[in-house]
N, C-alpha and C. Protein backbone atom coordinates (compact mmCIF):
# COMPACT_ATOMS: atom_id res chain seq x y z
N MET A 1 0.53 -1.01 -0.03
CA MET A 1 -0.03 0.01 0.07
C MET A 1 0.98 1.20 0.10
N LYS A 2 1.88 1.12 0.69
CA LYS A 2 3.09 2.22 0.46
C LYS A 2 3.44 2.69 -0.87
N LEU A 3 3.59 1.77 -1.72
CA LEU A 3 4.45 1.78 -2.98
C LEU A 3 3.71 2.72 -4.12
N LEU A 4 1.75 2.90 -3.46
CA LEU A 4 1.33 3.54 -4.61
C LEU A 4 1.33 5.49 -4.02
N PRO A 5 1.28 5.38 -3.03
CA PRO A 5 1.56 6.71 -2.55
C PRO A 5 3.18 7.29 -3.05
N LEU A 6 4.27 6.36 -3.14
CA LEU A 6 5.54 6.96 -3.68
C LEU A 6 5.52 6.81 -4.60
N ILE A 7 4.92 5.90 -5.80
CA ILE A 7 5.00 6.28 -7.04
C ILE A 7 4.39 7.62 -7.36
N GLY A 8 3.07 7.57 -6.87
CA GLY A 8 2.54 9.07 -7.02
C GLY A 8 3.32 10.36 -6.67
N HIS A 9 3.92 10.52 -6.01
CA HIS A 9 4.79 11.64 -5.29
C HIS A 9 6.02 11.64 -6.05
N ARG A 10 6.69 10.74 -6.44
CA ARG A 10 7.81 10.52 -7.62
C ARG A 10 7.11 11.13 -9.02
N PHE A 11 6.03 10.66 -9.46
CA PHE A 11 5.44 11.34 -10.71
C PHE A 11 5.06 12.56 -10.87
N SER A 12 4.46 12.90 -9.19
CA SER A 12 3.91 14.36 -9.36
C SER A 12 5.22 15.20 -9.42
N ILE A 13 6.39 14.84 -8.99
CA ILE A 13 7.49 15.70 -9.25
C ILE A 13 8.16 15.76 -10.46
N ALA A 14 8.28 14.54 -10.99
CA ALA A 14 8.76 14.75 -12.36
C ALA A 14 7.70 15.25 -13.12
N LEU A 15 6.41 15.30 -13.04
CA LEU A 15 5.54 16.25 -13.60
C LEU A 15 5.90 17.74 -13.63
N TYR A 16 6.16 17.82 -12.36
CA TYR A 16 6.12 19.59 -12.08
C TYR A 16 7.49 20.09 -12.54
N LEU A 17 8.66 18.82 -12.84
CA LEU A 17 9.93 19.68 -12.93
C LEU A 17 9.99 19.83 -14.72
N LEU A 18 8.95 18.55 -15.59
CA LEU A 18 9.04 18.40 -17.07
C LEU A 18 8.41 19.74 -17.08
N PHE A 19 7.11 20.11 -16.44
CA PHE A 19 6.59 21.48 -16.51
C PHE A 19 7.11 22.88 -16.67
N ALA A 20 8.22 23.07 -15.57
CA ALA A 20 9.07 23.51 -15.16
C ALA A 20 10.37 24.04 -16.14
N LEU A 21 10.71 22.71 -16.55
CA LEU A 21 12.00 22.72 -17.18
C LEU A 21 11.91 22.79 -18.67
N PHE A 22 10.67 22.54 -19.51
CA PHE A 22 10.60 22.56 -20.66
C PHE A 22 10.95 23.53 -21.56
N PRO A 23 10.37 25.18 -20.78
CA PRO A 23 10.32 26.00 -21.84
C PRO A 23 12.00 26.42 -21.54
N LEU A 24 12.40 26.30 -20.54
CA LEU A 24 14.04 26.40 -20.79
C LEU A 24 14.60 25.80 -21.93
N TYR A 25 14.27 24.33 -21.85
CA TYR A 25 14.98 23.21 -22.91
C TYR A 25 14.61 23.77 -24.24
N TRP A 26 13.36 24.50 -24.54
CA TRP A 26 13.18 25.00 -25.71
C TRP A 26 13.51 26.07 -26.36
N ILE A 27 13.83 27.00 -25.43
CA ILE A 27 14.93 28.08 -25.82
C ILE A 27 15.95 27.81 -25.97
N ILE A 28 16.71 26.90 -25.21
CA ILE A 28 18.11 26.45 -25.76
C ILE A 28 18.09 25.74 -26.94
N LYS A 29 16.81 24.98 -27.22
CA LYS A 29 17.06 24.34 -28.84
C LYS A 29 16.70 25.67 -29.88
N ILE A 30 16.03 26.20 -29.67
CA ILE A 30 15.99 27.40 -30.47
C ILE A 30 17.03 28.36 -30.75
N SER A 31 17.69 28.29 -29.99
CA SER A 31 19.08 29.22 -29.61
C SER A 31 20.22 28.69 -30.53
N VAL A 32 20.33 27.45 -30.83
CA VAL A 32 20.88 26.74 -31.48
C VAL A 32 20.77 26.17 -32.90
N THR A 33 19.65 26.48 -33.18
CA THR A 33 18.67 26.15 -34.73
C THR A 33 19.74 26.83 -35.27
N PRO A 34 19.95 26.86 -36.59
CA PRO A 34 20.43 27.69 -37.57
C PRO A 34 19.06 28.31 -38.41
N ASP A 35 19.39 29.52 -38.83
CA ASP A 35 18.15 30.52 -39.26
C ASP A 35 17.69 29.87 -40.17
N GLN A 36 18.06 28.76 -41.03
CA GLN A 36 17.25 28.28 -42.15
C GLN A 36 16.34 27.17 -41.36
N LEU A 37 16.87 26.62 -40.72
CA LEU A 37 15.78 25.38 -39.78
C LEU A 37 14.67 25.87 -38.89
N LEU A 38 14.65 27.34 -38.66
CA LEU A 38 14.00 27.55 -37.26
C LEU A 38 12.39 27.28 -38.21
N PHE A 39 12.36 27.60 -39.48
CA PHE A 39 10.68 27.32 -40.18
C PHE A 39 10.88 26.59 -41.29
N SER A 40 11.32 25.68 -41.19
CA SER A 40 11.62 24.75 -42.39
C SER A 40 11.42 23.32 -42.09
N GLN A 41 12.00 22.57 -41.06
CA GLN A 41 12.25 21.63 -40.43
C GLN A 41 10.58 21.04 -39.60
N GLY A 42 9.72 21.70 -39.04
CA GLY A 42 8.59 21.93 -38.46
C GLY A 42 9.26 21.47 -36.91
N VAL A 43 8.56 20.94 -35.94
CA VAL A 43 8.56 20.62 -34.75
C VAL A 43 9.49 19.24 -34.35
N THR A 44 10.59 19.36 -33.62
CA THR A 44 11.27 18.51 -33.43
C THR A 44 11.74 18.52 -32.04
N LEU A 45 12.13 17.45 -31.64
CA LEU A 45 12.73 17.52 -30.22
C LEU A 45 14.12 18.30 -30.18
N TRP A 46 14.88 18.05 -31.39
CA TRP A 46 16.17 18.53 -31.46
C TRP A 46 16.58 19.01 -32.79
N PRO A 47 17.34 19.74 -33.29
CA PRO A 47 17.42 20.74 -34.60
C PRO A 47 18.57 19.65 -35.18
N LYS A 48 18.49 19.35 -36.72
CA LYS A 48 18.91 18.13 -37.45
C LYS A 48 20.36 19.40 -37.52
N GLY A 49 20.28 20.62 -37.34
CA GLY A 49 21.59 21.46 -37.67
C GLY A 49 21.97 21.82 -36.20
N PHE A 50 23.43 22.33 -35.88
CA PHE A 50 23.62 22.82 -34.57
C PHE A 50 24.71 24.12 -35.12
N THR A 51 24.43 25.00 -34.29
CA THR A 51 24.93 26.12 -34.52
C THR A 51 25.43 27.14 -32.80
N LEU A 52 26.55 27.84 -33.06
CA LEU A 52 26.74 28.71 -31.90
C LEU A 52 26.85 30.10 -32.38
N GLY A 53 26.39 30.12 -33.15
CA GLY A 53 26.69 31.64 -34.35
C GLY A 53 25.39 32.48 -33.89
N HIS A 54 24.57 32.24 -33.25
CA HIS A 54 23.32 33.39 -32.49
C HIS A 54 24.44 33.91 -31.28
N PHE A 55 24.72 33.24 -30.52
CA PHE A 55 25.47 33.41 -29.17
C PHE A 55 26.76 34.74 -29.65
N GLN A 56 27.34 34.01 -30.60
CA GLN A 56 28.44 34.83 -30.71
C GLN A 56 28.01 36.41 -31.55
N LYS A 57 26.90 36.22 -32.06
CA LYS A 57 26.39 37.62 -32.41
C LYS A 57 26.20 38.36 -32.02
N VAL A 58 25.37 37.69 -31.13
CA VAL A 58 24.51 38.60 -29.63
C VAL A 58 26.04 39.32 -28.83
N LEU A 59 27.05 38.63 -28.81
CA LEU A 59 28.19 39.00 -27.79
C LEU A 59 29.11 40.14 -28.73
N THR A 60 29.11 39.94 -29.93
CA THR A 60 29.70 40.60 -30.51
C THR A 60 29.85 41.54 -31.81
N ASP A 61 28.58 41.60 -31.89
CA ASP A 61 27.78 42.67 -33.07
C ASP A 61 26.69 42.94 -32.31
N SER A 62 26.58 43.31 -30.97
CA SER A 62 25.47 44.13 -30.24
C SER A 62 26.06 44.53 -28.55
N ASP A 63 25.32 45.16 -28.34
CA ASP A 63 25.90 45.70 -27.16
C ASP A 63 25.15 45.10 -25.81
N PHE A 64 24.80 43.82 -26.09
CA PHE A 64 24.61 42.90 -24.94
C PHE A 64 25.39 43.03 -24.01
N PRO A 65 26.76 42.90 -23.75
CA PRO A 65 27.68 43.02 -22.53
C PRO A 65 27.64 44.03 -21.92
N THR A 66 27.21 45.42 -22.41
CA THR A 66 27.12 46.69 -21.71
C THR A 66 25.76 46.80 -20.69
N PHE A 67 24.74 46.11 -21.72
CA PHE A 67 23.10 46.03 -20.93
C PHE A 67 23.37 45.01 -20.29
N PHE A 68 24.27 43.81 -20.45
CA PHE A 68 23.89 42.80 -19.07
C PHE A 68 24.78 43.29 -17.94
N SER A 69 26.28 44.02 -17.88
CA SER A 69 26.81 44.64 -16.97
C SER A 69 25.77 45.79 -16.31
N ASN A 70 25.47 46.59 -17.07
CA ASN A 70 24.18 47.54 -16.45
C ASN A 70 23.07 46.89 -15.49
N SER A 71 22.80 45.78 -15.91
CA SER A 71 21.62 45.33 -15.08
C SER A 71 22.21 44.78 -14.04
N LEU A 72 23.49 43.72 -14.09
CA LEU A 72 24.01 43.63 -12.83
C LEU A 72 23.94 44.76 -11.96
N ILE A 73 24.95 45.84 -11.95
CA ILE A 73 25.12 46.76 -11.71
C ILE A 73 23.98 47.46 -10.46
N VAL A 74 22.58 47.57 -11.55
CA VAL A 74 21.48 48.41 -10.70
C VAL A 74 21.10 47.04 -10.00
N SER A 75 20.82 45.98 -10.45
CA SER A 75 20.03 45.12 -9.95
C SER A 75 20.89 44.62 -8.24
N PHE A 76 22.08 44.52 -7.95
CA PHE A 76 22.80 44.07 -7.03
C PHE A 76 22.98 45.48 -6.06
N SER A 77 23.22 46.46 -6.59
CA SER A 77 23.14 47.96 -5.82
C SER A 77 22.07 48.20 -5.30
N THR A 78 20.74 47.67 -5.88
CA THR A 78 19.33 48.03 -5.54
C THR A 78 18.98 47.14 -4.24
N ALA A 79 19.60 45.70 -4.38
CA ALA A 79 19.42 44.77 -3.02
C ALA A 79 20.40 44.60 -2.19
N LEU A 80 21.42 45.34 -2.08
CA LEU A 80 22.58 45.39 -1.06
C LEU A 80 21.87 46.96 -0.44
N LEU A 81 21.69 48.28 -1.01
CA LEU A 81 21.25 49.23 -0.41
C LEU A 81 19.61 48.86 0.17
N THR A 82 18.71 48.27 -0.72
CA THR A 82 17.30 47.92 -0.16
C THR A 82 17.67 47.48 1.42
N THR A 83 18.48 46.29 1.24
CA THR A 83 18.67 45.03 2.52
C THR A 83 19.46 46.07 3.68
N LEU A 84 19.98 46.91 3.44
CA LEU A 84 20.58 47.67 4.51
C LEU A 84 19.11 48.70 5.16
N ILE A 85 18.66 49.26 4.24
CA ILE A 85 17.98 50.36 4.88
C ILE A 85 16.31 49.51 5.39
N ALA A 86 16.03 48.02 4.98
CA ALA A 86 15.30 47.50 5.16
C ALA A 86 15.81 46.94 6.80
N THR A 87 16.99 46.38 6.85
CA THR A 87 17.00 46.01 7.80
C THR A 87 16.99 46.77 9.06
N GLY A 88 17.50 47.96 8.95
CA GLY A 88 17.59 48.90 9.90
C GLY A 88 15.79 49.47 10.32
N ALA A 89 15.36 49.70 9.44
CA ALA A 89 13.84 49.92 9.39
C ALA A 89 13.11 48.71 10.13
N GLY A 90 13.33 47.67 9.86
CA GLY A 90 12.75 46.68 10.28
C GLY A 90 13.04 46.45 11.81
N TYR A 91 14.29 46.59 12.17
CA TYR A 91 14.32 46.40 13.54
C TYR A 91 13.75 47.31 14.23
N ALA A 92 13.69 48.65 13.71
CA ALA A 92 13.17 49.85 14.21
C ALA A 92 11.60 49.17 14.35
N PHE A 93 10.98 49.11 13.63
CA PHE A 93 9.42 48.76 13.70
C PHE A 93 9.09 47.19 14.88
N SER A 94 10.23 46.34 14.94
CA SER A 94 10.13 44.99 15.73
C SER A 94 10.62 45.58 17.23
N ARG A 95 11.35 46.32 17.45
CA ARG A 95 11.85 46.73 18.54
C ARG A 95 11.11 47.93 19.60
N PHE A 96 10.86 48.91 18.70
CA PHE A 96 10.55 50.00 19.13
C PHE A 96 9.12 50.59 19.48
N GLN A 97 8.72 51.26 20.28
CA GLN A 97 7.35 51.96 20.25
C GLN A 97 7.35 53.20 19.94
N PHE A 98 7.09 53.99 19.00
CA PHE A 98 6.97 55.52 19.12
C PHE A 98 5.77 55.74 18.50
N ARG A 99 5.51 57.36 18.27
CA ARG A 99 4.21 57.80 17.85
C ARG A 99 4.37 57.89 16.46
N GLY A 100 3.32 57.26 16.05
CA GLY A 100 3.13 57.40 14.46
C GLY A 100 3.52 56.07 14.10
N LYS A 101 3.82 55.50 14.47
CA LYS A 101 4.32 53.78 14.15
C LYS A 101 3.22 53.10 13.30
N VAL A 102 2.00 52.92 13.52
CA VAL A 102 0.79 52.54 12.97
C VAL A 102 0.78 53.33 11.41
N VAL A 103 0.85 54.56 11.95
CA VAL A 103 0.52 55.39 10.70
C VAL A 103 1.72 55.22 9.43
N MET A 104 2.97 54.82 10.12
CA MET A 104 4.19 54.94 9.21
C MET A 104 4.16 53.32 8.57
N ALA A 105 3.55 52.40 9.23
CA ALA A 105 3.57 50.87 8.68
C ALA A 105 2.54 51.14 7.42
N ALA A 106 1.13 51.91 8.20
CA ALA A 106 0.03 51.85 6.84
C ALA A 106 0.26 52.93 5.58
N LEU A 107 1.23 53.74 5.75
CA LEU A 107 1.77 54.55 4.96
C LEU A 107 2.69 53.50 3.66
N LEU A 108 3.52 52.59 4.71
CA LEU A 108 4.62 52.04 3.82
C LEU A 108 3.61 51.21 2.86
N LEU A 109 2.77 50.06 3.33
CA LEU A 109 1.83 49.21 2.94
C LEU A 109 1.23 50.27 1.77
N PHE A 110 0.40 51.49 1.92
CA PHE A 110 -0.05 52.71 0.84
C PHE A 110 0.73 52.14 -0.42
N THR A 111 2.09 52.62 -0.57
CA THR A 111 2.84 53.18 -1.42
C THR A 111 2.66 51.57 -2.37
N GLN A 112 2.23 50.61 -1.72
CA GLN A 112 2.20 49.46 -2.62
C GLN A 112 1.23 48.98 -3.66
N MET A 113 0.54 50.13 -3.42
CA MET A 113 -0.91 50.03 -3.76
C MET A 113 -1.35 50.83 -4.86
N PHE A 114 -0.11 51.24 -5.57
CA PHE A 114 -0.41 52.12 -6.99
C PHE A 114 0.26 51.42 -8.09
N PRO A 115 -0.30 51.29 -9.53
CA PRO A 115 0.34 50.76 -10.19
C PRO A 115 1.29 51.19 -10.56
N LEU A 116 1.95 50.85 -11.65
CA LEU A 116 3.68 51.79 -11.91
C LEU A 116 3.24 52.64 -13.00
N VAL A 117 1.93 51.97 -13.85
CA VAL A 117 1.82 52.69 -14.75
C VAL A 117 1.10 53.81 -14.57
N MET A 118 0.62 54.06 -13.71
CA MET A 118 0.05 55.40 -13.26
C MET A 118 0.81 56.45 -12.65
N ILE A 119 2.27 56.12 -11.72
CA ILE A 119 2.93 56.70 -11.63
C ILE A 119 4.13 57.33 -12.40
N ILE A 120 4.58 56.59 -13.41
CA ILE A 120 5.45 56.69 -14.59
C ILE A 120 5.93 58.41 -14.50
N ALA A 121 5.03 58.56 -15.17
CA ALA A 121 5.15 60.13 -15.93
C ALA A 121 5.44 60.91 -14.63
N PRO A 122 4.38 61.15 -13.16
CA PRO A 122 5.14 62.06 -12.41
C PRO A 122 6.53 61.84 -11.80
N ILE A 123 7.01 60.32 -12.11
CA ILE A 123 8.20 60.15 -11.38
C ILE A 123 9.15 60.51 -12.42
N TYR A 124 8.97 60.58 -13.79
CA TYR A 124 9.63 60.94 -14.66
C TYR A 124 10.42 62.49 -14.60
N ARG A 125 8.96 63.11 -14.54
CA ARG A 125 9.10 64.61 -14.25
C ARG A 125 9.68 65.26 -12.99
N VAL A 126 9.83 64.51 -12.10
CA VAL A 126 10.62 64.28 -10.87
C VAL A 126 12.17 64.45 -11.39
N MET A 127 12.36 63.23 -12.00
CA MET A 127 13.91 62.52 -12.19
C MET A 127 14.30 63.77 -13.55
N ALA A 128 13.94 64.20 -14.11
CA ALA A 128 14.18 64.83 -15.19
C ALA A 128 15.25 66.08 -14.80
N PRO A 129 14.32 67.10 -14.06
CA PRO A 129 15.50 68.37 -13.54
C PRO A 129 16.24 67.86 -12.98
N LEU A 130 16.03 66.85 -11.83
CA LEU A 130 17.77 66.50 -11.30
C LEU A 130 18.37 65.88 -11.82
N GLY A 131 18.32 65.43 -13.21
CA GLY A 131 19.44 64.90 -14.17
C GLY A 131 19.30 63.44 -13.81
N LEU A 132 18.65 62.75 -13.28
CA LEU A 132 18.75 61.35 -13.37
C LEU A 132 18.11 60.44 -14.23
N THR A 133 18.02 60.93 -15.06
CA THR A 133 17.36 60.25 -16.22
C THR A 133 18.75 59.70 -17.15
N ASN A 134 18.58 58.53 -17.82
CA ASN A 134 19.54 58.24 -18.46
C ASN A 134 21.06 58.15 -17.44
N SER A 135 20.60 57.44 -16.40
CA SER A 135 21.76 57.04 -15.02
C SER A 135 21.25 56.27 -14.71
N LEU A 136 22.23 55.11 -13.92
CA LEU A 136 22.10 53.92 -13.15
C LEU A 136 21.71 54.07 -12.22
N LEU A 137 22.31 55.35 -11.58
CA LEU A 137 22.16 55.88 -9.87
C LEU A 137 20.64 56.36 -10.02
N GLY A 138 19.71 57.06 -10.60
CA GLY A 138 18.22 57.13 -11.06
C GLY A 138 17.51 55.73 -10.85
N LEU A 139 18.19 54.97 -11.66
CA LEU A 139 17.04 53.55 -11.48
C LEU A 139 17.16 53.06 -10.01
N ILE A 140 18.59 53.17 -9.58
CA ILE A 140 18.96 52.46 -8.54
C ILE A 140 17.66 52.87 -7.18
N LEU A 141 17.86 54.35 -7.45
CA LEU A 141 17.29 55.11 -6.15
C LEU A 141 15.76 54.94 -6.13
N ILE A 142 15.21 54.78 -7.77
CA ILE A 142 13.60 54.10 -7.85
C ILE A 142 14.04 53.15 -7.32
N TYR A 143 14.49 51.87 -8.08
CA TYR A 143 14.00 50.43 -7.46
C TYR A 143 13.93 50.39 -5.98
N THR A 144 15.51 51.00 -5.19
CA THR A 144 15.23 51.07 -3.99
C THR A 144 13.70 51.36 -3.38
N ALA A 145 13.74 52.61 -3.62
CA ALA A 145 12.28 53.04 -2.87
C ALA A 145 11.01 52.64 -3.09
N PHE A 146 11.06 51.48 -4.16
CA PHE A 146 9.61 50.66 -4.53
C PHE A 146 10.06 49.72 -3.54
N ASN A 147 11.13 48.97 -3.13
CA ASN A 147 11.19 47.87 -2.85
C ASN A 147 11.37 47.69 -1.17
N VAL A 148 11.41 49.00 -0.54
CA VAL A 148 12.13 49.26 0.50
C VAL A 148 10.68 48.62 1.36
N PRO A 149 9.33 49.18 1.19
CA PRO A 149 8.66 48.81 2.05
C PRO A 149 8.38 47.37 2.07
N PHE A 150 8.12 46.61 1.01
CA PHE A 150 7.88 44.91 1.58
C PHE A 150 8.78 44.39 1.78
N ALA A 151 10.42 45.27 1.93
CA ALA A 151 11.53 44.49 2.48
C ALA A 151 11.63 44.56 3.63
N THR A 152 11.43 45.70 4.23
CA THR A 152 10.89 46.54 5.46
C THR A 152 9.96 45.35 6.49
N PHE A 153 8.87 45.10 5.63
CA PHE A 153 7.93 44.31 6.25
C PHE A 153 8.72 42.91 6.69
N LEU A 154 9.23 42.48 5.79
CA LEU A 154 9.77 41.34 5.61
C LEU A 154 10.78 41.14 6.59
N MET A 155 11.85 41.86 6.93
CA MET A 155 12.95 41.89 7.90
C MET A 155 12.02 41.83 9.04
N GLN A 156 11.30 42.91 9.26
CA GLN A 156 10.63 43.03 10.63
C GLN A 156 10.10 41.48 11.44
N SER A 157 9.39 40.70 10.08
CA SER A 157 9.37 39.60 10.86
C SER A 157 10.36 38.45 11.35
N PHE A 158 11.32 38.80 10.49
CA PHE A 158 12.58 38.07 11.26
C PHE A 158 13.02 38.69 12.28
N PHE A 159 12.84 39.54 12.78
CA PHE A 159 13.44 40.04 14.10
C PHE A 159 12.03 39.91 15.09
N ASP A 160 10.99 40.06 14.54
CA ASP A 160 10.09 39.57 15.65
C ASP A 160 10.19 38.12 15.97
N ALA A 161 10.27 37.36 14.93
CA ALA A 161 10.98 35.56 15.45
C ALA A 161 12.18 35.54 16.48
N ILE A 162 12.94 36.66 16.81
CA ILE A 162 14.14 36.25 17.76
C ILE A 162 13.38 36.93 18.92
N PRO A 163 14.05 36.24 20.27
CA PRO A 163 13.43 36.64 21.59
C PRO A 163 13.95 37.99 21.79
N LYS A 164 13.23 38.71 22.75
CA LYS A 164 14.14 40.03 22.81
C LYS A 164 15.12 39.57 24.21
N ASP A 165 14.92 38.42 24.64
CA ASP A 165 15.96 37.99 25.73
C ASP A 165 17.25 38.17 25.43
N LEU A 166 17.57 37.65 24.12
CA LEU A 166 19.08 37.47 23.50
C LEU A 166 19.49 39.00 23.73
N GLU A 167 18.79 39.56 23.20
CA GLU A 167 19.30 41.44 22.93
C GLU A 167 19.57 41.76 24.52
N GLU A 168 18.84 41.94 25.14
CA GLU A 168 18.30 42.23 26.82
C GLU A 168 19.67 41.80 27.25
N SER A 169 20.37 40.56 27.35
CA SER A 169 21.42 39.80 28.09
C SER A 169 22.61 40.23 27.40
N ALA A 170 22.73 40.29 26.61
CA ALA A 170 23.73 41.26 25.57
C ALA A 170 24.05 42.23 26.27
N MET A 171 23.04 43.22 26.01
CA MET A 171 23.22 44.80 26.85
C MET A 171 23.40 44.49 28.27
N LEU A 172 23.09 43.45 28.80
CA LEU A 172 23.38 43.47 30.39
C LEU A 172 25.02 43.31 30.43
N GLU A 173 25.48 42.36 29.69
CA GLU A 173 26.73 41.97 29.52
C GLU A 173 27.70 43.21 28.92
N GLY A 174 27.21 44.37 28.73
CA GLY A 174 28.02 45.66 28.41
C GLY A 174 27.67 45.83 27.19
N CYS A 175 27.24 45.69 26.26
CA CYS A 175 26.78 46.24 24.63
C CYS A 175 26.13 46.97 24.60
N THR A 176 26.43 47.84 23.88
CA THR A 176 25.43 48.90 23.33
C THR A 176 24.12 48.39 22.48
N ARG A 177 22.93 49.24 22.33
CA ARG A 177 21.81 48.47 21.61
C ARG A 177 22.67 48.16 20.01
N PHE A 178 23.22 49.05 19.67
CA PHE A 178 24.31 48.80 18.43
C PHE A 178 24.82 47.63 18.09
N GLN A 179 25.74 47.59 19.33
CA GLN A 179 26.51 46.22 19.61
C GLN A 179 25.84 44.77 19.55
N ALA A 180 24.65 45.06 20.21
CA ALA A 180 23.76 44.12 20.29
C ALA A 180 23.07 43.29 19.00
N LEU A 181 22.92 44.55 18.57
CA LEU A 181 22.18 44.41 17.01
C LEU A 181 23.38 43.82 16.29
N TYR A 182 24.36 44.22 15.92
CA TYR A 182 25.33 43.88 15.60
C TYR A 182 26.14 42.54 15.55
N ARG A 183 26.12 42.18 16.79
CA ARG A 183 26.80 41.02 17.23
C ARG A 183 25.69 40.03 17.72
N VAL A 184 24.81 39.99 17.91
CA VAL A 184 23.76 39.01 18.28
C VAL A 184 22.72 38.88 17.02
N LEU A 185 21.79 40.27 16.91
CA LEU A 185 20.76 40.07 15.84
C LEU A 185 20.97 39.80 14.50
N VAL A 186 21.96 40.31 14.09
CA VAL A 186 22.58 40.25 12.64
C VAL A 186 22.80 38.91 12.21
N PRO A 187 23.49 38.20 12.96
CA PRO A 187 24.00 36.69 12.85
C PRO A 187 22.92 36.24 12.64
N LEU A 188 21.82 36.01 13.54
CA LEU A 188 20.47 35.58 13.42
C LEU A 188 19.52 35.57 12.41
N THR A 189 19.65 36.87 11.61
CA THR A 189 18.68 37.18 10.64
C THR A 189 19.52 37.22 9.60
N LEU A 190 20.59 36.33 9.34
CA LEU A 190 21.32 36.52 8.22
C LEU A 190 20.33 35.29 6.76
N PRO A 191 19.84 34.44 7.56
CA PRO A 191 19.08 34.19 6.68
C PRO A 191 17.84 35.13 6.16
N GLY A 192 17.13 35.80 6.97
CA GLY A 192 16.12 36.64 6.25
C GLY A 192 16.65 37.93 5.59
N MET A 193 18.30 38.34 5.77
CA MET A 193 18.53 39.21 4.93
C MET A 193 19.29 38.92 3.52
N ALA A 194 19.62 37.60 3.45
CA ALA A 194 19.73 36.81 2.35
C ALA A 194 18.54 36.83 1.48
N ALA A 195 17.24 36.44 1.88
CA ALA A 195 16.06 36.55 1.45
C ALA A 195 15.64 37.72 0.50
N THR A 196 15.84 38.66 1.60
CA THR A 196 15.49 39.78 1.27
C THR A 196 16.18 40.45 -0.19
N LEU A 197 17.68 40.19 0.18
CA LEU A 197 18.73 40.39 -1.04
C LEU A 197 18.34 39.58 -2.41
N GLY A 198 17.87 38.48 -2.14
CA GLY A 198 17.50 37.52 -3.74
C GLY A 198 16.03 37.92 -4.30
N PHE A 199 15.34 38.40 -3.31
CA PHE A 199 14.15 38.78 -3.50
C PHE A 199 14.17 40.24 -4.67
N VAL A 200 15.09 41.06 -3.69
CA VAL A 200 14.87 42.27 -4.43
C VAL A 200 15.64 42.16 -5.54
N PHE A 201 16.98 41.79 -5.33
CA PHE A 201 17.84 41.10 -6.80
C PHE A 201 16.88 41.11 -8.34
N THR A 202 15.82 39.67 -7.62
CA THR A 202 15.14 39.77 -8.45
C THR A 202 14.13 40.48 -9.42
N ALA A 203 13.36 41.00 -8.45
CA ALA A 203 12.64 42.22 -8.69
C ALA A 203 13.27 43.36 -9.50
N ALA A 204 14.33 43.70 -8.93
CA ALA A 204 14.87 44.76 -9.50
C ALA A 204 15.50 44.37 -11.46
N TRP A 205 15.99 42.88 -11.12
CA TRP A 205 16.35 42.56 -12.57
C TRP A 205 15.44 42.03 -13.66
N SER A 206 14.21 41.69 -13.24
CA SER A 206 13.04 41.76 -13.91
C SER A 206 12.17 42.64 -14.07
N GLU A 207 12.47 43.93 -13.67
CA GLU A 207 11.77 45.00 -14.09
C GLU A 207 11.85 45.80 -14.96
N LEU A 208 11.00 46.13 -15.87
CA LEU A 208 11.57 46.77 -17.62
C LEU A 208 10.93 48.32 -17.47
N LEU A 209 9.66 48.68 -16.94
CA LEU A 209 9.03 49.34 -17.35
C LEU A 209 9.73 50.98 -17.02
N PHE A 210 10.45 51.18 -15.71
CA PHE A 210 11.21 51.98 -15.39
C PHE A 210 12.52 52.50 -16.21
N SER A 211 12.91 51.11 -16.38
CA SER A 211 14.25 51.35 -17.53
C SER A 211 14.20 51.97 -18.64
N LEU A 212 12.93 51.54 -19.54
CA LEU A 212 12.57 51.75 -20.62
C LEU A 212 12.16 53.07 -20.56
N MET A 213 11.64 53.82 -19.73
CA MET A 213 11.44 55.36 -19.45
C MET A 213 11.72 56.06 -19.15
N LEU A 214 13.16 55.76 -18.36
CA LEU A 214 14.07 56.89 -17.86
C LEU A 214 15.09 56.67 -18.50
N ILE A 215 15.33 55.36 -19.26
CA ILE A 215 16.75 55.30 -20.01
C ILE A 215 16.17 55.23 -21.33
N ASN A 216 17.26 56.05 -22.12
CA ASN A 216 17.09 56.01 -23.62
C ASN A 216 18.54 55.87 -24.50
N LYS A 217 19.53 55.80 -23.68
CA LYS A 217 20.74 55.58 -24.41
C LYS A 217 21.36 54.28 -24.22
N ASN A 218 21.96 54.14 -25.14
CA ASN A 218 22.79 52.67 -24.99
C ASN A 218 23.98 52.70 -24.10
N GLU A 219 24.59 53.92 -23.50
CA GLU A 219 25.80 54.11 -22.95
C GLU A 219 25.33 54.82 -21.70
N VAL A 220 25.25 54.56 -20.53
CA VAL A 220 25.03 55.37 -19.46
C VAL A 220 26.07 55.41 -18.44
């Protein structure tokens, strides 16, 4: 009787992997198919011919290396800056009681309710006089501003999961609040910081609207 659930479990995993990986396989197949065979040989699991010329053309005859490096710079800088800000803000929301805390949390949540299409024009009018269009710095600042609210709530949840007794014990031993944060809490929240870093990096990497509107030069 235990064999049937095991078979069903393995079959479900195999079906999911097939569903998830097939698009990637198809992209690879098309990328190595010669141009003359793309629309002439019909649907096949693997092309009759094989070429790497498409990759060579992209790397040598286009600005792809520049675009790729710009994406890396913007995404990594956004992820790092957002994680640092969200760590401090999440710690403050988790550990301190201050006037306007609920209002600030509501405002952070409120900023996530606006569709990007609605605010792209006002943002452009703000960024243009500041000289932040056609600038990687402008993209980094915009992406950071839009990712900080969610990242803050994410980091707050990780800080809430850590008992306050650990922090208080460190302070009783002579640590300042900052030392307790740096030496005790930050090591315990490294998984949360890594998750936040990965989430923000992915969000910045996959965002297209702002980059199309704010950058119209190949060299920035």
